[in-house]
C-alpha cells in the first residue's frame, strides 16, 4: 500500500554513454571534471561537444484513486476479529491437565446381553 501510493523521482546523468551521477528525490550532479578521469582516452568526448552529456529522469507517480473505507464495516470487522481471538485463545486454557468427566461413573450391571437380546450386531 505504501509503495503504490508514494511518488518518487530518480535522476541520472550520462557523459559519453557512461553513468556519472545518480540522485533519488533530487538532481544528479553534472560531470564537469569527471569526464577526463572516468572515460578512456580512445573516445573523443569533451564538454564542448554537442550531445556528449545528457540527463534522464524517471518519475513514478503514486496512485491517487484510493477510496475511503466504510467506518461501519471497519467496526464490524474489528468486533468480529476481537471476538474470534478471544474465543480462540479461550479454547486452549485449562488443557494442561487431562479432564475425564466420567472418571467416577460406574456403569449399570447388565443381567442380559442387549445386543444378543435385540439381535443388533455391528458389521
PDB file of N, CA and C in Angstrom:
ATOM      1  N   UNK A   1       0.826  -1.176   0.000  1.00  0.00           N
ATOM      2  CA  UNK A   1       0.000   0.000   0.000  1.00  0.00           C
ATOM      3  C   UNK A   1       0.875   1.247   0.000  1.00  0.00           C
ATOM      4  N   UNK A   2       1.970   1.187   0.736  1.00  0.00           N
ATOM      5  CA  UNK A   2       2.856   2.348   0.822  1.00  0.00           C
ATOM      6  C   UNK A   2       3.497   2.645  -0.525  1.00  0.00           C
ATOM      7  N   UNK A   3       4.007   1.617  -1.220  1.00  0.00           N
ATOM      8  CA  UNK A   3       4.698   1.835  -2.486  1.00  0.00           C
ATOM      9  C   UNK A   3       3.741   2.204  -3.606  1.00  0.00           C
ATOM     10  N   UNK A   4       2.497   1.725  -3.558  1.00  0.00           N
ATOM     11  CA  UNK A   4       1.568   2.033  -4.639  1.00  0.00           C
ATOM     12  C   UNK A   4       1.067   3.465  -4.559  1.00  0.00           C
ATOM     13  N   UNK A   5       1.076   4.075  -3.387  1.00  0.00           N
ATOM     14  CA  UNK A   5       0.570   5.437  -3.255  1.00  0.00           C
ATOM     15  C   UNK A   5       1.671   6.489  -3.174  1.00  0.00           C
ATOM     16  N   UNK A   6       2.921   6.101  -3.108  1.00  0.00           N
ATOM     17  CA  UNK A   6       4.001   7.083  -2.995  1.00  0.00           C
ATOM     18  C   UNK A   6       4.589   7.406  -4.363  1.00  0.00           C
ATOM     19  N   UNK A   7       5.100   8.619  -4.480  1.00  0.00           N
ATOM     20  CA  UNK A   7       5.747   9.068  -5.717  1.00  0.00           C
ATOM     21  C   UNK A   7       7.226   9.299  -5.445  1.00  0.00           C
ATOM     22  N   UNK A   8       8.063   9.057  -6.447  1.00  0.00           N
ATOM     23  CA  UNK A   8       9.475   9.356  -6.297  1.00  0.00           C
ATOM     24  C   UNK A   8      10.089   9.640  -7.663  1.00  0.00           C
ATOM     25  N   UNK A   9      11.299  10.231  -7.640  1.00  0.00           N
ATOM     26  CA  UNK A   9      11.988  10.625  -8.863  1.00  0.00           C
ATOM     27  C   UNK A   9      13.435  10.159  -8.782  1.00  0.00           C
ATOM     28  N   UNK A  10      13.927   9.582  -9.887  1.00  0.00           N
ATOM     29  CA  UNK A  10      15.321   9.158  -9.982  1.00  0.00           C
ATOM     30  C   UNK A  10      15.931   9.926 -11.147  1.00  0.00           C
ATOM     31  N   UNK A  11      17.015  10.647 -10.873  1.00  0.00           N
ATOM     32  CA  UNK A  11      17.684  11.449 -11.892  1.00  0.00           C
ATOM     33  C   UNK A  11      19.063  10.853 -12.146  1.00  0.00           C
ATOM     34  N   UNK A  12      19.392  10.620 -13.442  1.00  0.00           N
ATOM     35  CA  UNK A  12      20.692  10.053 -13.813  1.00  0.00           C
ATOM     36  C   UNK A  12      21.341  10.957 -14.844  1.00  0.00           C
ATOM     37  N   UNK A  13      22.662  11.134 -14.701  1.00  0.00           N
ATOM     38  CA  UNK A  13      23.414  11.972 -15.624  1.00  0.00           C
ATOM     39  C   UNK A  13      24.450  11.100 -16.340  1.00  0.00           C
ATOM     40  N   UNK A  14      24.440  11.147 -17.685  1.00  0.00           N
ATOM     41  CA  UNK A  14      25.346  10.360 -18.516  1.00  0.00           C
ATOM     42  C   UNK A  14      26.293  11.287 -19.264  1.00  0.00           C
ATOM     43  N   UNK A  15      27.552  10.876 -19.350  1.00  0.00           N
ATOM     44  CA  UNK A  15      28.534  11.549 -20.190  1.00  0.00           C
ATOM     45  C   UNK A  15      29.175  10.491 -21.075  1.00  0.00           C
ATOM     46  N   UNK A  16      29.105  10.666 -22.379  1.00  0.00           N
ATOM     47  CA  UNK A  16      29.642   9.714 -23.354  1.00  0.00           C
ATOM     48  C   UNK A  16      29.086   8.308 -23.108  1.00  0.00           C
ATOM     49  N   UNK A  17      27.796   8.231 -22.852  1.00  0.00           N
ATOM     50  CA  UNK A  17      27.093   6.977 -22.614  1.00  0.00           C
ATOM     51  C   UNK A  17      27.617   6.213 -21.391  1.00  0.00           C
ATOM     52  N   UNK A  18      28.188   6.927 -20.442  1.00  0.00           N
ATOM     53  CA  UNK A  18      28.644   6.318 -19.191  1.00  0.00           C
ATOM     54  C   UNK A  18      27.974   7.053 -18.038  1.00  0.00           C
ATOM     55  N   UNK A  19      27.417   6.275 -17.103  1.00  0.00           N
ATOM     56  CA  UNK A  19      26.711   6.862 -15.967  1.00  0.00           C
ATOM     57  C   UNK A  19      27.706   7.551 -15.053  1.00  0.00           C
ATOM     58  N   UNK A  20      27.467   8.851 -14.816  1.00  0.00           N
ATOM     59  CA  UNK A  20      28.375   9.639 -13.999  1.00  0.00           C
ATOM     60  C   UNK A  20      27.754   9.983 -12.646  1.00  0.00           C
ATOM     61  N   UNK A  21      26.473  10.315 -12.638  1.00  0.00           N
ATOM     62  CA  UNK A  21      25.828  10.707 -11.383  1.00  0.00           C
ATOM     63  C   UNK A  21      24.410  10.182 -11.291  1.00  0.00           C
ATOM     64  N   UNK A  22      24.006   9.839 -10.063  1.00  0.00           N
ATOM     65  CA  UNK A  22      22.657   9.367  -9.805  1.00  0.00           C
ATOM     66  C   UNK A  22      22.138  10.045  -8.552  1.00  0.00           C
ATOM     67  N   UNK A  23      20.840  10.388  -8.558  1.00  0.00           N
ATOM     68  CA  UNK A  23      20.236  11.002  -7.381  1.00  0.00           C
ATOM     69  C   UNK A  23      18.786  10.558  -7.287  1.00  0.00           C
ATOM     70  N   UNK A  24      18.368  10.291  -6.071  1.00  0.00           N
ATOM     71  CA  UNK A  24      16.968   9.951  -5.807  1.00  0.00           C
ATOM     72  C   UNK A  24      16.347  11.131  -5.089  1.00  0.00           C
ATOM     73  N   UNK A  25      15.192  11.545  -5.533  1.00  0.00           N
ATOM     74  CA  UNK A  25      14.456  12.682  -4.979  1.00  0.00           C
ATOM     75  C   UNK A  25      15.230  13.994  -5.100  1.00  0.00           C
ATOM     76  N   UNK A  26      16.119  14.088  -6.050  1.00  0.00           N
ATOM     77  CA  UNK A  26      16.881  15.313  -6.262  1.00  0.00           C
ATOM     78  C   UNK A  26      17.433  15.377  -7.676  1.00  0.00           C
ATOM     79  N   UNK A  27      18.395  16.273  -7.902  1.00  0.00           N
ATOM     80  CA  UNK A  27      19.002  16.416  -9.218  1.00  0.00           C
ATOM     81  C   UNK A  27      20.423  15.858  -9.173  1.00  0.00           C
ATOM     82  N   UNK A  28      20.772  15.071 -10.191  1.00  0.00           N
ATOM     83  CA  UNK A  28      22.108  14.473 -10.263  1.00  0.00           C
ATOM     84  C   UNK A  28      23.149  15.546 -10.562  1.00  0.00           C
ATOM     85  N   UNK A  29      24.356  15.356 -10.027  1.00  0.00           N
ATOM     86  CA  UNK A  29      25.437  16.314 -10.265  1.00  0.00           C
ATOM     87  C   UNK A  29      25.930  16.201 -11.703  1.00  0.00           C
ATOM     88  N   UNK A  30      26.331  17.329 -12.251  1.00  0.00           N
ATOM     89  CA  UNK A  30      26.839  17.368 -13.620  1.00  0.00           C
ATOM     90  C   UNK A  30      28.283  16.878 -13.629  1.00  0.00           C
ATOM     91  N   UNK A  31      28.760  16.396 -14.776  1.00  0.00           N
ATOM     92  CA  UNK A  31      30.033  15.694 -14.848  1.00  0.00           C
ATOM     93  C   UNK A  31      31.273  16.583 -14.688  1.00  0.00           C
ATOM     94  N   UNK A  32      31.350  17.752 -15.217  1.00  0.00           N
ATOM     95  CA  UNK A  32      32.480  18.696 -15.198  1.00  0.00           C
ATOM     96  C   UNK A  32      33.837  18.007 -15.333  1.00  0.00           C
ATOM     97  N   UNK A  33      34.547  17.726 -14.225  1.00  0.00           N
ATOM     98  CA  UNK A  33      35.901  17.171 -14.282  1.00  0.00           C
ATOM     99  C   UNK A  33      35.924  15.648 -14.381  1.00  0.00           C
ATOM    100  N   UNK A  34      34.812  15.007 -14.226  1.00  0.00           N
ATOM    101  CA  UNK A  34      34.791  13.550 -14.208  1.00  0.00           C
ATOM    102  C   UNK A  34      35.002  12.936 -15.582  1.00  0.00           C
ATOM    103  N   UNK A  35      34.842  13.717 -16.633  1.00  0.00           N
ATOM    104  CA  UNK A  35      34.996  13.171 -17.987  1.00  0.00           C
ATOM    105  C   UNK A  35      36.428  12.703 -18.203  1.00  0.00           C
ATOM    106  N   UNK A  36      37.373  13.504 -17.821  1.00  0.00           N
ATOM    107  CA  UNK A  36      38.775  13.164 -18.058  1.00  0.00           C
ATOM    108  C   UNK A  36      39.219  11.959 -17.224  1.00  0.00           C
ATOM    109  N   UNK A  37      38.653  11.784 -16.035  1.00  0.00           N
ATOM    110  CA  UNK A  37      39.089  10.709 -15.150  1.00  0.00           C
ATOM    111  C   UNK A  37      38.446   9.367 -15.501  1.00  0.00           C
ATOM    112  N   UNK A  38      37.155   9.358 -15.818  1.00  0.00           N
ATOM    113  CA  UNK A  38      36.413   8.105 -15.961  1.00  0.00           C
ATOM    114  C   UNK A  38      36.336   7.564 -17.384  1.00  0.00           C
ATOM    115  N   UNK A  39      36.459   8.405 -18.376  1.00  0.00           N
ATOM    116  CA  UNK A  39      36.283   7.977 -19.767  1.00  0.00           C
ATOM    117  C   UNK A  39      37.645   7.681 -20.366  1.00  0.00           C
ATOM    118  N   UNK A  40      37.804   6.532 -21.013  1.00  0.00           N
ATOM    119  CA  UNK A  40      39.086   6.236 -21.650  1.00  0.00           C
ATOM    120  C   UNK A  40      39.406   7.260 -22.749  1.00  0.00           C
ATOM    121  N   UNK A  41      40.695   7.423 -23.012  1.00  0.00           N
ATOM    122  CA  UNK A  41      41.128   8.442 -23.978  1.00  0.00           C
ATOM    123  C   UNK A  41      40.804   8.037 -25.409  1.00  0.00           C
ATOM    124  N   UNK A  42      40.446   6.796 -25.650  1.00  0.00           N
ATOM    125  CA  UNK A  42      40.131   6.355 -27.014  1.00  0.00           C
ATOM    126  C   UNK A  42      38.882   7.041 -27.525  1.00  0.00           C
ATOM    127  N   UNK A  43      37.963   7.369 -26.602  1.00  0.00           N
ATOM    128  CA  UNK A  43      36.740   8.044 -27.036  1.00  0.00           C
ATOM    129  C   UNK A  43      36.997   9.539 -27.077  1.00  0.00           C
ATOM    130  N   UNK A  44      36.563  10.160 -28.115  1.00  0.00           N
ATOM    131  CA  UNK A  44      36.722  11.616 -28.250  1.00  0.00           C
ATOM    132  C   UNK A  44      35.468  12.266 -27.671  1.00  0.00           C
ATOM    133  N   UNK A  45      35.503  12.602 -26.404  1.00  0.00           N
ATOM    134  CA  UNK A  45      34.346  13.192 -25.747  1.00  0.00           C
ATOM    135  C   UNK A  45      34.825  14.375 -24.921  1.00  0.00           C
ATOM    136  N   UNK A  46      34.283  15.524 -25.172  1.00  0.00           N
ATOM    137  CA  UNK A  46      34.624  16.714 -24.398  1.00  0.00           C
ATOM    138  C   UNK A  46      33.340  17.426 -24.027  1.00  0.00           C
ATOM    139  N   UNK A  47      33.474  18.361 -23.126  1.00  0.00           N
ATOM    140  CA  UNK A  47      32.294  19.110 -22.699  1.00  0.00           C
ATOM    141  C   UNK A  47      31.779  20.027 -23.805  1.00  0.00           C
ATOM    142  N   UNK A  48      32.661  20.460 -24.699  1.00  0.00           N
ATOM    143  CA  UNK A  48      32.234  21.356 -25.757  1.00  0.00           C
ATOM    144  C   UNK A  48      31.445  20.612 -26.841  1.00  0.00           C
ATOM    145  N   UNK A  49      31.619  19.322 -26.923  1.00  0.00           N
ATOM    146  CA  UNK A  49      30.963  18.543 -27.954  1.00  0.00           C
ATOM    147  C   UNK A  49      29.465  18.481 -27.683  1.00  0.00           C
ATOM    148  N   UNK A  50      28.662  18.652 -28.724  1.00  0.00           N
ATOM    149  CA  UNK A  50      27.223  18.628 -28.575  1.00  0.00           C
ATOM    150  C   UNK A  50      26.749  17.188 -28.387  1.00  0.00           C
ATOM    151  N   UNK A  51      25.705  16.974 -27.625  1.00  0.00           N
ATOM    152  CA  UNK A  51      25.115  15.670 -27.340  1.00  0.00           C
ATOM    153  C   UNK A  51      26.099  14.728 -26.634  1.00  0.00           C
ATOM    154  N   UNK A  52      27.078  15.274 -25.965  1.00  0.00           N
ATOM    155  CA  UNK A  52      28.014  14.434 -25.228  1.00  0.00           C
ATOM    156  C   UNK A  52      27.432  14.053 -23.874  1.00  0.00           C
ATOM    157  N   UNK A  53      26.818  14.978 -23.195  1.00  0.00           N
ATOM    158  CA  UNK A  53      26.245  14.735 -21.868  1.00  0.00           C
ATOM    159  C   UNK A  53      24.726  14.885 -21.932  1.00  0.00           C
ATOM    160  N   UNK A  54      24.035  14.024 -21.211  1.00  0.00           N
ATOM    161  CA  UNK A  54      22.589  14.148 -21.125  1.00  0.00           C
ATOM    162  C   UNK A  54      22.118  13.637 -19.769  1.00  0.00           C
ATOM    163  N   UNK A  55      20.922  14.045 -19.396  1.00  0.00           N
ATOM    164  CA  UNK A  55      20.324  13.629 -18.126  1.00  0.00           C
ATOM    165  C   UNK A  55      19.001  12.934 -18.414  1.00  0.00           C
ATOM    166  N   UNK A  56      18.747  11.881 -17.668  1.00  0.00           N
ATOM    167  CA  UNK A  56      17.493  11.145 -17.795  1.00  0.00           C
ATOM    168  C   UNK A  56      16.829  11.138 -16.427  1.00  0.00           C
ATOM    169  N   UNK A  57      15.535  11.404 -16.416  1.00  0.00           N
ATOM    170  CA  UNK A  57      14.777  11.433 -15.178  1.00  0.00           C
ATOM    171  C   UNK A  57      13.628  10.440 -15.266  1.00  0.00           C
ATOM    172  N   UNK A  58      13.547   9.548 -14.282  1.00  0.00           N
ATOM    173  CA  UNK A  58      12.419   8.630 -14.173  1.00  0.00           C
ATOM    174  C   UNK A  58      11.522   9.134 -13.051  1.00  0.00           C
ATOM    175  N   UNK A  59      10.253   9.296 -13.371  1.00  0.00           N
ATOM    176  CA  UNK A  59       9.299   9.790 -12.392  1.00  0.00           C
ATOM    177  C   UNK A  59       8.200   8.750 -12.210  1.00  0.00           C
ATOM    178  N   UNK A  60       7.998   8.283 -10.993  1.00  0.00           N
ATOM    179  CA  UNK A  60       6.952   7.315 -10.691  1.00  0.00           C
ATOM    180  C   UNK A  60       5.890   8.031  -9.882  1.00  0.00           C
ATOM    181  N   UNK A  61       4.703   8.185 -10.471  1.00  0.00           N
ATOM    182  CA  UNK A  61       3.613   8.870  -9.797  1.00  0.00           C
ATOM    183  C   UNK A  61       2.813   7.880  -8.964  1.00  0.00           C
ATOM    184  N   UNK A  62       2.360   8.332  -7.807  1.00  0.00           N
ATOM    185  CA  UNK A  62       1.574   7.483  -6.916  1.00  0.00           C
ATOM    186  C   UNK A  62       0.139   7.388  -7.373  1.00  0.00           C
ATOM    187  N   UNK A  63      -0.534   6.340  -6.938  1.00  0.00           N
ATOM    188  CA  UNK A  63      -1.927   6.102  -7.287  1.00  0.00           C
ATOM    189  C   UNK A  63      -2.816   6.896  -6.344  1.00  0.00           C
ATOM    190  N   UNK A  64      -3.621   7.799  -6.896  1.00  0.00           N
ATOM    191  CA  UNK A  64      -4.488   8.646  -6.079  1.00  0.00           C
ATOM    192  C   UNK A  64      -5.947   8.212  -6.148  1.00  0.00           C
ATOM    193  N   UNK A  65      -6.223   7.028  -6.689  1.00  0.00           N
ATOM    194  CA  UNK A  65      -7.604   6.592  -6.888  1.00  0.00           C
ATOM    195  C   UNK A  65      -8.109   5.699  -5.761  1.00  0.00           C
ATOM    196  N   UNK A  66      -7.529   5.813  -4.596  1.00  0.00           N
ATOM    197  CA  UNK A  66      -7.976   5.007  -3.464  1.00  0.00           C
ATOM    198  C   UNK A  66      -9.292   5.551  -2.932  1.00  0.00           C
ATOM    199  N   UNK A  67     -10.152   4.661  -2.493  1.00  0.00           N
ATOM    200  CA  UNK A  67     -11.445   5.073  -1.961  1.00  0.00           C
ATOM    201  C   UNK A  67     -11.411   5.004  -0.440  1.00  0.00           C
ATOM    202  N   UNK A  68     -12.255   5.811   0.165  1.00  0.00           N
ATOM    203  CA  UNK A  68     -12.347   5.789   1.619  1.00  0.00           C
ATOM    204  C   UNK A  68     -13.120   4.561   2.054  1.00  0.00           C
ATOM    205  N   UNK A  69     -12.721   3.975   3.161  1.00  0.00           N
ATOM    206  CA  UNK A  69     -13.390   2.779   3.642  1.00  0.00           C
ATOM    207  C   UNK A  69     -14.631   3.156   4.440  1.00  0.00           C
ATOM    208  N   UNK A  70     -15.546   2.219   4.556  1.00  0.00           N
ATOM    209  CA  UNK A  70     -16.766   2.417   5.314  1.00  0.00           C
ATOM    210  C   UNK A  70     -16.471   2.181   6.789  1.00  0.00           C
ATOM    211  N   UNK A  71     -16.662   3.189   7.669  1.00  0.00           N
ATOM    212  CA  UNK A  71     -16.321   3.001   9.086  1.00  0.00           C
ATOM    213  C   UNK A  71     -17.198   1.958   9.769  1.00  0.00           C
ATOM    214  N   UNK A  72     -18.444   1.775   9.296  1.00  0.00           N
ATOM    215  CA  UNK A  72     -19.328   0.776   9.911  1.00  0.00           C
ATOM    216  C   UNK A  72     -18.797  -0.632   9.647  1.00  0.00           C
ATOM    217  N   UNK A  73     -18.364  -0.883   8.409  1.00  0.00           N
ATOM    218  CA  UNK A  73     -17.810  -2.197   8.082  1.00  0.00           C
ATOM    219  C   UNK A  73     -16.507  -2.428   8.840  1.00  0.00           C
ATOM    220  N   UNK A  74     -15.736  -1.368   9.026  1.00  0.00           N
ATOM    221  CA  UNK A  74     -14.483  -1.484   9.760  1.00  0.00           C
ATOM    222  C   UNK A  74     -14.748  -1.846  11.223  1.00  0.00           C
ATOM    223  N   UNK A  75     -15.764  -1.251  11.821  1.00  0.00           N
ATOM    224  CA  UNK A  75     -16.128  -1.542  13.199  1.00  0.00           C
ATOM    225  C   UNK A  75     -16.610  -2.985  13.338  1.00  0.00           C
ATOM    226  N   UNK A  76     -17.410  -3.442  12.370  1.00  0.00           N
ATOM    227  CA  UNK A  76     -17.893  -4.819  12.409  1.00  0.00           C
ATOM    228  C   UNK A  76     -16.740  -5.808  12.262  1.00  0.00           C
ATOM    229  N   UNK A  77     -15.785  -5.484  11.410  1.00  0.00           N
ATOM    230  CA  UNK A  77     -14.631  -6.351  11.224  1.00  0.00           C
ATOM    231  C   UNK A  77     -13.801  -6.433  12.496  1.00  0.00           C
ATOM    232  N   UNK A  78     -13.561  -5.289  13.136  1.00  0.00           N
ATOM    233  CA  UNK A  78     -12.795  -5.286  14.386  1.00  0.00           C
ATOM    234  C   UNK A  78     -13.520  -6.043  15.487  1.00  0.00           C
ATOM    235  N   UNK A  79     -14.837  -5.909  15.547  1.00  0.00           N
ATOM    236  CA  UNK A  79     -15.616  -6.632  16.544  1.00  0.00           C
ATOM    237  C   UNK A  79     -15.526  -8.134  16.305  1.00  0.00           C
ATOM    238  N   UNK A  80     -15.649  -8.541  15.043  1.00  0.00           N
ATOM    239  CA  UNK A  80     -15.541  -9.964  14.715  1.00  0.00           C
ATOM    240  C   UNK A  80     -14.164 -10.512  15.070  1.00  0.00           C
ATOM    241  N   UNK A  81     -13.097  -9.779  14.702  1.00  0.00           N
ATOM    242  CA  UNK A  81     -11.742 -10.246  14.983  1.00  0.00           C
ATOM    243  C   UNK A  81     -11.473 -10.354  16.481  1.00  0.00           C
ATOM    244  N   UNK A  82     -11.920  -9.364  17.244  1.00  0.00           N
ATOM    245  CA  UNK A  82     -11.675  -9.419  18.685  1.00  0.00           C
ATOM    246  C   UNK A  82     -12.451 -10.568  19.330  1.00  0.00           C
ATOM    247  N   UNK A  83     -13.698 -10.809  18.885  1.00  0.00           N
ATOM    248  CA  UNK A  83     -14.480 -11.926  19.405  1.00  0.00           C
ATOM    249  C   UNK A  83     -13.852 -13.255  19.035  1.00  0.00           C
ATOM    250  N   UNK A  84     -13.413 -13.368  17.798  1.00  0.00           N
ATOM    251  CA  UNK A  84     -12.789 -14.607  17.340  1.00  0.00           C
ATOM    252  C   UNK A  84     -11.517 -14.909  18.117  1.00  0.00           C
ATOM    253  N   UNK A  85     -10.639 -13.905  18.280  1.00  0.00           N
ATOM    254  CA  UNK A  85      -9.393 -14.116  19.018  1.00  0.00           C
ATOM    255  C   UNK A  85      -9.647 -14.477  20.476  1.00  0.00           C
ATOM    256  N   UNK A  86     -10.616 -13.813  21.097  1.00  0.00           N
ATOM    257  CA  UNK A  86     -10.926 -14.110  22.493  1.00  0.00           C
ATOM    258  C   UNK A  86     -11.418 -15.543  22.643  1.00  0.00           C
ATOM    259  N   UNK A  87     -12.322 -15.978  21.765  1.00  0.00           N
ATOM    260  CA  UNK A  87     -12.842 -17.342  21.872  1.00  0.00           C
ATOM    261  C   UNK A  87     -11.788 -18.377  21.473  1.00  0.00           C
ATOM    262  N   UNK A  88     -10.920 -18.054  20.516  1.00  0.00           N
ATOM    263  CA  UNK A  88      -9.884 -18.979  20.081  1.00  0.00           C
ATOM    264  C   UNK A  88      -8.844 -19.189  21.180  1.00  0.00           C
ATOM    265  N   UNK A  89      -8.431 -18.121  21.832  1.00  0.00           N
ATOM    266  CA  UNK A  89      -7.449 -18.240  22.912  1.00  0.00           C
ATOM    267  C   UNK A  89      -8.071 -18.974  24.100  1.00  0.00           C
ATOM    268  N   UNK A  90      -9.366 -18.748  24.344  1.00  0.00           N
ATOM    269  CA  UNK A  90     -10.053 -19.382  25.455  1.00  0.00           C
ATOM    270  C   UNK A  90     -10.175 -20.892  25.259  1.00  0.00           C
ATOM    271  N   UNK A  91     -10.105 -21.378  24.035  1.00  0.00           N
ATOM    272  CA  UNK A  91     -10.191 -22.809  23.773  1.00  0.00           C
ATOM    273  C   UNK A  91      -9.039 -23.583  24.403  1.00  0.00           C
ATOM    274  N   UNK A  92      -7.870 -22.985  24.469  1.00  0.00           N
ATOM    275  CA  UNK A  92      -6.682 -23.691  24.913  1.00  0.00           C
ATOM    276  C   UNK A  92      -6.351 -23.479  26.385  1.00  0.00           C
ATOM    277  N   UNK A  93      -7.153 -22.725  27.095  1.00  0.00           N
ATOM    278  CA  UNK A  93      -6.910 -22.544  28.523  1.00  0.00           C
ATOM    279  C   UNK A  93      -7.404 -23.762  29.274  1.00  0.00           C
ATOM    280  N   UNK A  94      -6.648 -24.243  30.219  1.00  0.00           N
ATOM    281  CA  UNK A  94      -7.042 -25.368  31.049  1.00  0.00           C
ATOM    282  C   UNK A  94      -6.816 -26.714  30.391  1.00  0.00           C
ATOM    283  N   UNK A  95      -6.059 -26.787  29.337  1.00  0.00           N
ATOM    284  CA  UNK A  95      -5.800 -28.053  28.686  1.00  0.00           C
ATOM    285  C   UNK A  95      -4.540 -28.732  29.206  1.00  0.00           C
ATOM    286  N   UNK A  96      -3.901 -28.129  30.183  1.00  0.00           N
ATOM    287  CA  UNK A  96      -2.671 -28.714  30.683  1.00  0.00           C
ATOM    288  C   UNK A  96      -2.928 -30.008  31.465  1.00  0.00           C
ATOM    289  N   UNK A  97      -4.110 -30.191  32.045  1.00  0.00           N
ATOM    290  CA  UNK A  97      -4.445 -31.458  32.707  1.00  0.00           C
ATOM    291  C   UNK A  97      -5.572 -32.133  31.925  1.00  0.00           C
ATOM    292  N   UNK A  98      -5.522 -33.429  31.902  1.00  0.00           N
ATOM    293  CA  UNK A  98      -6.496 -34.201  31.143  1.00  0.00           C
ATOM    294  C   UNK A  98      -7.743 -34.404  32.012  1.00  0.00           C
ATOM    295  N   UNK A  99      -8.838 -33.770  31.649  1.00  0.00           N
ATOM    296  CA  UNK A  99     -10.074 -33.854  32.416  1.00  0.00           C
ATOM    297  C   UNK A  99     -10.952 -34.943  31.812  1.00  0.00           C
ATOM    298  N   UNK A 100     -11.283 -35.965  32.620  1.00  0.00           N
ATOM    299  CA  UNK A 100     -12.173 -37.037  32.181  1.00  0.00           C
ATOM    300  C   UNK A 100     -13.466 -36.897  32.977  1.00  0.00           C
ATOM    301  N   UNK A 101     -14.570 -36.458  32.336  1.00  0.00           N
ATOM    302  CA  UNK A 101     -15.788 -36.189  33.108  1.00  0.00           C
ATOM    303  C   UNK A 101     -16.464 -37.456  33.644  1.00  0.00           C
ATOM    304  N   UNK A 102     -16.234 -38.607  33.071  1.00  0.00           N
ATOM    305  CA  UNK A 102     -16.900 -39.831  33.501  1.00  0.00           C
ATOM    306  C   UNK A 102     -15.956 -40.759  34.280  1.00  0.00           C
ATOM    307  N   UNK A 103     -14.969 -40.199  34.931  1.00  0.00           N
ATOM    308  CA  UNK A 103     -13.972 -40.996  35.626  1.00  0.00           C
ATOM    309  C   UNK A 103     -14.594 -41.764  36.804  1.00  0.00           C
ATOM    310  N   UNK A 104     -15.525 -41.172  37.527  1.00  0.00           N
ATOM    311  CA  UNK A 104     -16.119 -41.801  38.701  1.00  0.00           C
ATOM    312  C   UNK A 104     -17.475 -42.434  38.392  1.00  0.00           C
ATOM    313  N   UNK A 105     -17.820 -42.565  37.153  1.00  0.00           N
ATOM    314  CA  UNK A 105     -19.092 -43.151  36.748  1.00  0.00           C
ATOM    315  C   UNK A 105     -18.982 -44.667  36.757  1.00  0.00           C
ATOM    316  N   UNK A 106     -19.953 -45.313  37.370  1.00  0.00           N
ATOM    317  CA  UNK A 106     -19.989 -46.774  37.394  1.00  0.00           C
ATOM    318  C   UNK A 106     -21.112 -47.221  36.462  1.00  0.00           C
ATOM    319  N   UNK A 107     -20.789 -48.025  35.462  1.00  0.00           N
ATOM    320  CA  UNK A 107     -21.835 -48.460  34.536  1.00  0.00           C
ATOM    321  C   UNK A 107     -22.817 -49.423  35.221  1.00  0.00           C
ATOM    322  N   UNK A 108     -24.039 -49.482  34.700  1.00  0.00           N
ATOM    323  CA  UNK A 108     -25.022 -50.384  35.314  1.00  0.00           C
ATOM    324  C   UNK A 108     -24.655 -51.849  35.065  1.00  0.00           C
ATOM    325  N   UNK A 109     -25.012 -52.656  35.962  1.00  0.00           N
ATOM    326  CA  UNK A 109     -24.772 -54.083  35.819  1.00  0.00           C
ATOM    327  C   UNK A 109     -25.830 -54.660  34.881  1.00  0.00           C
ATOM    328  N   UNK A 110     -25.400 -55.326  33.844  1.00  0.00           N
ATOM    329  CA  UNK A 110     -26.315 -55.888  32.874  1.00  0.00           C
ATOM    330  C   UNK A 110     -26.513 -57.373  33.160  1.00  0.00           C
ATOM    331  N   UNK A 111     -27.755 -57.757  33.273  1.00  0.00           N
ATOM    332  CA  UNK A 111     -28.037 -59.164  33.506  1.00  0.00           C
ATOM    333  C   UNK A 111     -28.131 -59.938  32.203  1.00  0.00           C
ATOM    334  N   UNK A 112     -28.449 -59.241  31.135  1.00  0.00           N
ATOM    335  CA  UNK A 112     -28.547 -59.874  29.827  1.00  0.00           C
ATOM    336  C   UNK A 112     -27.717 -59.084  28.822  1.00  0.00           C
ATOM    337  N   UNK A 113     -27.262 -59.744  27.797  1.00  0.00           N
ATOM    338  CA  UNK A 113     -26.527 -59.068  26.720  1.00  0.00           C
ATOM    339  C   UNK A 113     -27.545 -58.424  25.793  1.00  0.00           C
ATOM    340  N   UNK A 114     -27.589 -57.083  25.743  1.00  0.00           N
ATOM    341  CA  UNK A 114     -28.601 -56.358  24.988  1.00  0.00           C
ATOM    342  C   UNK A 114     -28.460 -56.555  23.483  1.00  0.00           C
ATOM    343  N   UNK A 115     -27.250 -56.688  22.989  1.00  0.00           N
ATOM    344  CA  UNK A 115     -27.080 -56.876  21.549  1.00  0.00           C
ATOM    345  C   UNK A 115     -27.618 -58.236  21.101  1.00  0.00           C
ATOM    346  N   UNK A 116     -27.396 -59.219  21.888  1.00  0.00           N
ATOM    347  CA  UNK A 116     -27.913 -60.545  21.542  1.00  0.00           C
ATOM    348  C   UNK A 116     -29.421 -60.568  21.724  1.00  0.00           C
ATOM    349  N   UNK A 117     -29.926 -59.886  22.765  1.00  0.00           N
ATOM    350  CA  UNK A 117     -31.345 -59.865  23.027  1.00  0.00           C
ATOM    351  C   UNK A 117     -32.114 -59.215  21.881  1.00  0.00           C
ATOM    352  N   UNK A 118     -31.619 -58.105  21.353  1.00  0.00           N
ATOM    353  CA  UNK A 118     -32.280 -57.376  20.267  1.00  0.00           C
ATOM    354  C   UNK A 118     -31.734 -57.750  18.891  1.00  0.00           C
ATOM    355  N   UNK A 119     -30.753 -58.610  18.866  1.00  0.00           N
ATOM    356  CA  UNK A 119     -30.094 -59.073  17.654  1.00  0.00           C
ATOM    357  C   UNK A 119     -29.630 -57.896  16.769  1.00  0.00           C
ATOM    358  N   UNK A 120     -28.927 -56.974  17.388  1.00  0.00           N
ATOM    359  CA  UNK A 120     -28.306 -55.847  16.683  1.00  0.00           C
ATOM    360  C   UNK A 120     -26.800 -56.009  16.789  1.00  0.00           C
ATOM    361  N   UNK A 121     -26.177 -56.267  15.653  1.00  0.00           N
ATOM    362  CA  UNK A 121     -24.736 -56.515  15.621  1.00  0.00           C
ATOM    363  C   UNK A 121     -24.057 -55.518  14.689  1.00  0.00           C
ATOM    364  N   UNK A 122     -22.927 -55.073  15.062  1.00  0.00           N
ATOM    365  CA  UNK A 122     -22.129 -54.199  14.209  1.00  0.00           C
ATOM    366  C   UNK A 122     -21.346 -55.046  13.219  1.00  0.00           C
ATOM    367  N   UNK A 123     -21.443 -54.686  11.973  1.00  0.00           N
ATOM    368  CA  UNK A 123     -20.744 -55.451  10.942  1.00  0.00           C
ATOM    369  C   UNK A 123     -19.532 -54.691  10.481  1.00  0.00           C
TER     370      UNK A 123
END
